[in-house]
Amino acid sequence: MAERPNSWAEVIRAAIDARLGEVHTAIPGKVVRVNMSGANIRSVDVQPLIQRAHIDEDEKRVAETMPVIPSVPVAFPSAGDYRITFPIAVGATGVIIFSEASLDVWLAKGGTVDPGDDRRCSLADGIFLPGLRSLAESLG
């Protein structure tokens, strides 16, 4: 069993560490499903490729695979009336970035919106940017 913190500083540090463990910024991911709308890619389900680690009750480091993130919008390059799109297949890799605010209302309505949900940097608010590859992968 983990020891109790000895000081207020340790309690505060442990609380901050726990909260930061819930803040997501960016992580490599692999497409496990492509969600289509007609001929257009609507979103992808993405598996984060770096495991999340924590210290268990026995003071041992444990690495766990993160859950698949469903229905992640894909950000293709675009400007004005122009955009570049390309097929994305299951197994494709890229980077998942996480919005600092809930995307749900903005995705539905566009424009300037009240997100209606105060979550921050959540796994539920990912955006997939295709193309990031590990150095071990060849463009062959």
C-alpha atoms as a PDB file:
ATOM      1  CA  MET A   1       0.000   0.000   0.000  1.00  0.00           C
ATOM      2  CA  ALA A   2       1.273   3.485  -0.838  1.00  0.00           C
ATOM      3  CA  GLU A   3       2.506   5.631   2.042  1.00  0.00           C
ATOM      4  CA  ARG A   4       0.522   8.682   3.076  1.00  0.00           C
ATOM      5  CA  PRO A   5       2.052  12.046   2.170  1.00  0.00           C
ATOM      6  CA  ASN A   6       4.045  13.548   5.047  1.00  0.00           C
ATOM      7  CA  SER A   7       3.439  17.242   4.440  1.00  0.00           C
ATOM      8  CA  TRP A   8       0.947  19.674   2.921  1.00  0.00           C
ATOM      9  CA  ALA A   9       3.446  20.264   0.114  1.00  0.00           C
ATOM     10  CA  GLU A  10       3.350  16.533  -0.717  1.00  0.00           C
ATOM     11  CA  VAL A  11      -0.468  16.504  -0.584  1.00  0.00           C
ATOM     12  CA  ILE A  12      -0.629  19.495  -2.931  1.00  0.00           C
ATOM     13  CA  ARG A  13       2.001  17.992  -5.260  1.00  0.00           C
ATOM     14  CA  ALA A  14       0.062  14.701  -5.388  1.00  0.00           C
ATOM     15  CA  ALA A  15      -3.190  16.553  -6.197  1.00  0.00           C
ATOM     16  CA  ILE A  16      -1.514  18.556  -8.963  1.00  0.00           C
ATOM     17  CA  ASP A  17       0.097  15.410 -10.417  1.00  0.00           C
ATOM     18  CA  ALA A  18      -3.270  13.632 -10.387  1.00  0.00           C
ATOM     19  CA  ARG A  19      -4.992  16.525 -12.193  1.00  0.00           C
ATOM     20  CA  LEU A  20      -2.211  16.882 -14.759  1.00  0.00           C
ATOM     21  CA  GLY A  21      -2.643  13.178 -15.526  1.00  0.00           C
ATOM     22  CA  GLU A  22      -6.091  14.080 -16.877  1.00  0.00           C
ATOM     23  CA  VAL A  23      -4.828  16.891 -19.150  1.00  0.00           C
ATOM     24  CA  HIS A  24      -4.228  15.748 -22.720  1.00  0.00           C
ATOM     25  CA  THR A  25      -2.334  17.837 -25.288  1.00  0.00           C
ATOM     26  CA  ALA A  26      -1.095  15.752 -28.229  1.00  0.00           C
ATOM     27  CA  ILE A  27      -0.188  12.097 -28.795  1.00  0.00           C
ATOM     28  CA  PRO A  28       0.538   9.849 -31.798  1.00  0.00           C
ATOM     29  CA  GLY A  29      -2.372   7.672 -32.843  1.00  0.00           C
ATOM     30  CA  LYS A  30      -3.364   4.934 -35.280  1.00  0.00           C
ATOM     31  CA  VAL A  31      -6.666   4.798 -37.163  1.00  0.00           C
ATOM     32  CA  VAL A  32      -8.702   1.721 -36.225  1.00  0.00           C
ATOM     33  CA  ARG A  33     -11.889   2.723 -38.086  1.00  0.00           C
ATOM     34  CA  VAL A  34     -12.790   5.259 -40.763  1.00  0.00           C
ATOM     35  CA  ASN A  35     -16.288   6.743 -40.482  1.00  0.00           C
ATOM     36  CA  MET A  36     -17.612   7.819 -43.884  1.00  0.00           C
ATOM     37  CA  SER A  37     -20.427  10.122 -44.982  1.00  0.00           C
ATOM     38  CA  GLY A  38     -20.980   9.183 -48.588  1.00  0.00           C
ATOM     39  CA  ALA A  39     -17.566   9.476 -50.273  1.00  0.00           C
ATOM     40  CA  ASN A  40     -16.207  11.815 -47.567  1.00  0.00           C
ATOM     41  CA  ILE A  41     -14.372  10.911 -44.392  1.00  0.00           C
ATOM     42  CA  ARG A  42     -16.551  12.103 -41.489  1.00  0.00           C
ATOM     43  CA  SER A  43     -14.271  11.068 -38.629  1.00  0.00           C
ATOM     44  CA  VAL A  44     -11.915   8.332 -37.491  1.00  0.00           C
ATOM     45  CA  ASP A  45     -11.683   6.149 -34.407  1.00  0.00           C
ATOM     46  CA  VAL A  46      -8.098   6.423 -33.170  1.00  0.00           C
ATOM     47  CA  GLN A  47      -5.948   4.312 -30.848  1.00  0.00           C
ATOM     48  CA  PRO A  48      -3.359   6.375 -28.944  1.00  0.00           C
ATOM     49  CA  LEU A  49       0.061   4.785 -29.491  1.00  0.00           C
ATOM     50  CA  ILE A  50       1.806   5.798 -26.264  1.00  0.00           C
ATOM     51  CA  GLN A  51       0.736   4.063 -23.100  1.00  0.00           C
ATOM     52  CA  ARG A  52      -0.256   5.944 -19.944  1.00  0.00           C
ATOM     53  CA  ALA A  53       1.890   5.105 -16.908  1.00  0.00           C
ATOM     54  CA  HIS A  54       1.168   5.392 -13.204  1.00  0.00           C
ATOM     55  CA  ILE A  55       2.488   4.083  -9.907  1.00  0.00           C
ATOM     56  CA  ASP A  56       0.271   1.403  -8.362  1.00  0.00           C
ATOM     57  CA  GLU A  57      -0.413   0.645  -4.686  1.00  0.00           C
ATOM     58  CA  ASP A  58       2.746  -1.479  -4.506  1.00  0.00           C
ATOM     59  CA  GLU A  59       4.895   1.458  -5.705  1.00  0.00           C
ATOM     60  CA  LYS A  60       5.436  -0.230  -9.085  1.00  0.00           C
ATOM     61  CA  ARG A  61       5.253   1.596 -12.404  1.00  0.00           C
ATOM     62  CA  VAL A  62       2.430   0.249 -14.565  1.00  0.00           C
ATOM     63  CA  ALA A  63       1.923   1.183 -18.237  1.00  0.00           C
ATOM     64  CA  GLU A  64      -1.583   0.792 -19.674  1.00  0.00           C
ATOM     65  CA  THR A  65      -2.902   1.151 -23.191  1.00  0.00           C
ATOM     66  CA  MET A  66      -5.245   4.117 -23.515  1.00  0.00           C
ATOM     67  CA  PRO A  67      -8.769   3.520 -24.860  1.00  0.00           C
ATOM     68  CA  VAL A  68      -9.710   3.986 -28.513  1.00  0.00           C
ATOM     69  CA  ILE A  69     -11.047   7.496 -29.049  1.00  0.00           C
ATOM     70  CA  PRO A  70     -14.210   7.328 -31.196  1.00  0.00           C
ATOM     71  CA  SER A  71     -15.419   9.795 -33.844  1.00  0.00           C
ATOM     72  CA  VAL A  72     -12.366  12.062 -33.964  1.00  0.00           C
ATOM     73  CA  PRO A  73     -12.714  14.750 -36.669  1.00  0.00           C
ATOM     74  CA  VAL A  74      -9.940  14.785 -39.286  1.00  0.00           C
ATOM     75  CA  ALA A  75      -8.225  18.102 -40.052  1.00  0.00           C
ATOM     76  CA  PHE A  76      -7.199  18.190 -43.707  1.00  0.00           C
ATOM     77  CA  PRO A  77      -5.283  21.246 -44.982  1.00  0.00           C
ATOM     78  CA  SER A  78      -7.682  23.896 -46.308  1.00  0.00           C
ATOM     79  CA  ALA A  79      -8.035  27.627 -46.908  1.00  0.00           C
ATOM     80  CA  GLY A  80     -10.885  29.604 -48.432  1.00  0.00           C
ATOM     81  CA  ASP A  81     -12.653  27.502 -51.067  1.00  0.00           C
ATOM     82  CA  TYR A  82      -9.735  25.078 -51.387  1.00  0.00           C
ATOM     83  CA  ARG A  83      -8.827  21.929 -49.524  1.00  0.00           C
ATOM     84  CA  ILE A  84      -6.563  18.948 -49.850  1.00  0.00           C
ATOM     85  CA  THR A  85      -8.064  15.578 -49.010  1.00  0.00           C
ATOM     86  CA  PHE A  86      -6.795  12.066 -49.428  1.00  0.00           C
ATOM     87  CA  PRO A  87      -7.888   8.585 -48.437  1.00  0.00           C
ATOM     88  CA  ILE A  88      -7.130   7.453 -44.900  1.00  0.00           C
ATOM     89  CA  ALA A  89      -6.974   3.721 -44.299  1.00  0.00           C
ATOM     90  CA  VAL A  90      -7.176   1.696 -41.133  1.00  0.00           C
ATOM     91  CA  GLY A  91      -3.622   1.537 -39.789  1.00  0.00           C
ATOM     92  CA  ALA A  92      -2.713   5.078 -40.877  1.00  0.00           C
ATOM     93  CA  THR A  93      -0.885   7.077 -38.229  1.00  0.00           C
ATOM     94  CA  GLY A  94      -0.949  10.733 -37.277  1.00  0.00           C
ATOM     95  CA  VAL A  95      -1.136  12.993 -34.271  1.00  0.00           C
ATOM     96  CA  ILE A  96      -4.200  13.521 -32.091  1.00  0.00           C
ATOM     97  CA  ILE A  97      -4.350  17.019 -30.649  1.00  0.00           C
ATOM     98  CA  PHE A  98      -6.800  17.875 -27.894  1.00  0.00           C
ATOM     99  CA  SER A  99      -8.836  21.072 -27.762  1.00  0.00           C
ATOM    100  CA  GLU A 100      -8.639  23.107 -24.575  1.00  0.00           C
ATOM    101  CA  ALA A 101     -12.468  23.330 -24.605  1.00  0.00           C
ATOM    102  CA  SER A 102     -15.317  21.001 -25.566  1.00  0.00           C
ATOM    103  CA  LEU A 103     -15.766  20.811 -29.348  1.00  0.00           C
ATOM    104  CA  ASP A 104     -19.288  19.348 -29.398  1.00  0.00           C
ATOM    105  CA  VAL A 105     -21.328  22.542 -29.859  1.00  0.00           C
ATOM    106  CA  TRP A 106     -18.802  24.138 -32.226  1.00  0.00           C
ATOM    107  CA  LEU A 107     -18.700  21.022 -34.443  1.00  0.00           C
ATOM    108  CA  ALA A 108     -22.507  21.060 -34.666  1.00  0.00           C
ATOM    109  CA  LYS A 109     -23.021  24.813 -35.186  1.00  0.00           C
ATOM    110  CA  GLY A 110     -19.709  26.456 -36.153  1.00  0.00           C
ATOM    111  CA  GLY A 111     -19.052  30.122 -35.397  1.00  0.00           C
ATOM    112  CA  THR A 112     -18.444  31.522 -31.936  1.00  0.00           C
ATOM    113  CA  VAL A 113     -20.209  29.343 -29.355  1.00  0.00           C
ATOM    114  CA  ASP A 114     -20.547  28.723 -25.645  1.00  0.00           C
ATOM    115  CA  PRO A 115     -19.215  25.157 -25.342  1.00  0.00           C
ATOM    116  CA  GLY A 116     -21.897  24.330 -22.751  1.00  0.00           C
ATOM    117  CA  ASP A 117     -19.434  21.954 -21.064  1.00  0.00           C
ATOM    118  CA  ASP A 118     -16.471  23.095 -18.985  1.00  0.00           C
ATOM    119  CA  ARG A 119     -14.212  20.090 -19.603  1.00  0.00           C
ATOM    120  CA  ARG A 120     -10.601  20.910 -20.525  1.00  0.00           C
ATOM    121  CA  CYS A 121      -8.086  19.019 -22.712  1.00  0.00           C
ATOM    122  CA  SER A 122     -10.270  15.907 -22.656  1.00  0.00           C
ATOM    123  CA  LEU A 123      -9.829  12.714 -24.683  1.00  0.00           C
ATOM    124  CA  ALA A 124     -13.372  13.439 -25.947  1.00  0.00           C
ATOM    125  CA  ASP A 125     -12.121  16.546 -27.808  1.00  0.00           C
ATOM    126  CA  GLY A 126      -9.461  15.141 -30.100  1.00  0.00           C
ATOM    127  CA  ILE A 127      -8.657  16.268 -33.646  1.00  0.00           C
ATOM    128  CA  PHE A 128      -6.694  13.905 -35.926  1.00  0.00           C
ATOM    129  CA  LEU A 129      -3.916  15.251 -38.147  1.00  0.00           C
ATOM    130  CA  PRO A 130      -2.872  12.430 -40.501  1.00  0.00           C
ATOM    131  CA  GLY A 131       0.722  11.860 -41.501  1.00  0.00           C
ATOM    132  CA  LEU A 132       2.867  11.662 -38.358  1.00  0.00           C
ATOM    133  CA  ARG A 133       5.053   8.563 -38.561  1.00  0.00           C
ATOM    134  CA  SER A 134       7.630   7.056 -36.259  1.00  0.00           C
ATOM    135  CA  LEU A 135      11.227   7.015 -37.427  1.00  0.00           C
ATOM    136  CA  ALA A 136      10.907   3.214 -37.673  1.00  0.00           C
ATOM    137  CA  GLU A 137       8.285   3.552 -40.431  1.00  0.00           C
ATOM    138  CA  SER A 138       9.472   3.989 -43.981  1.00  0.00           C
ATOM    139  CA  LEU A 139       7.639   5.994 -46.629  1.00  0.00           C
ATOM    140  CA  GLY A 140       8.972   3.227 -48.896  1.00  0.00           C
END
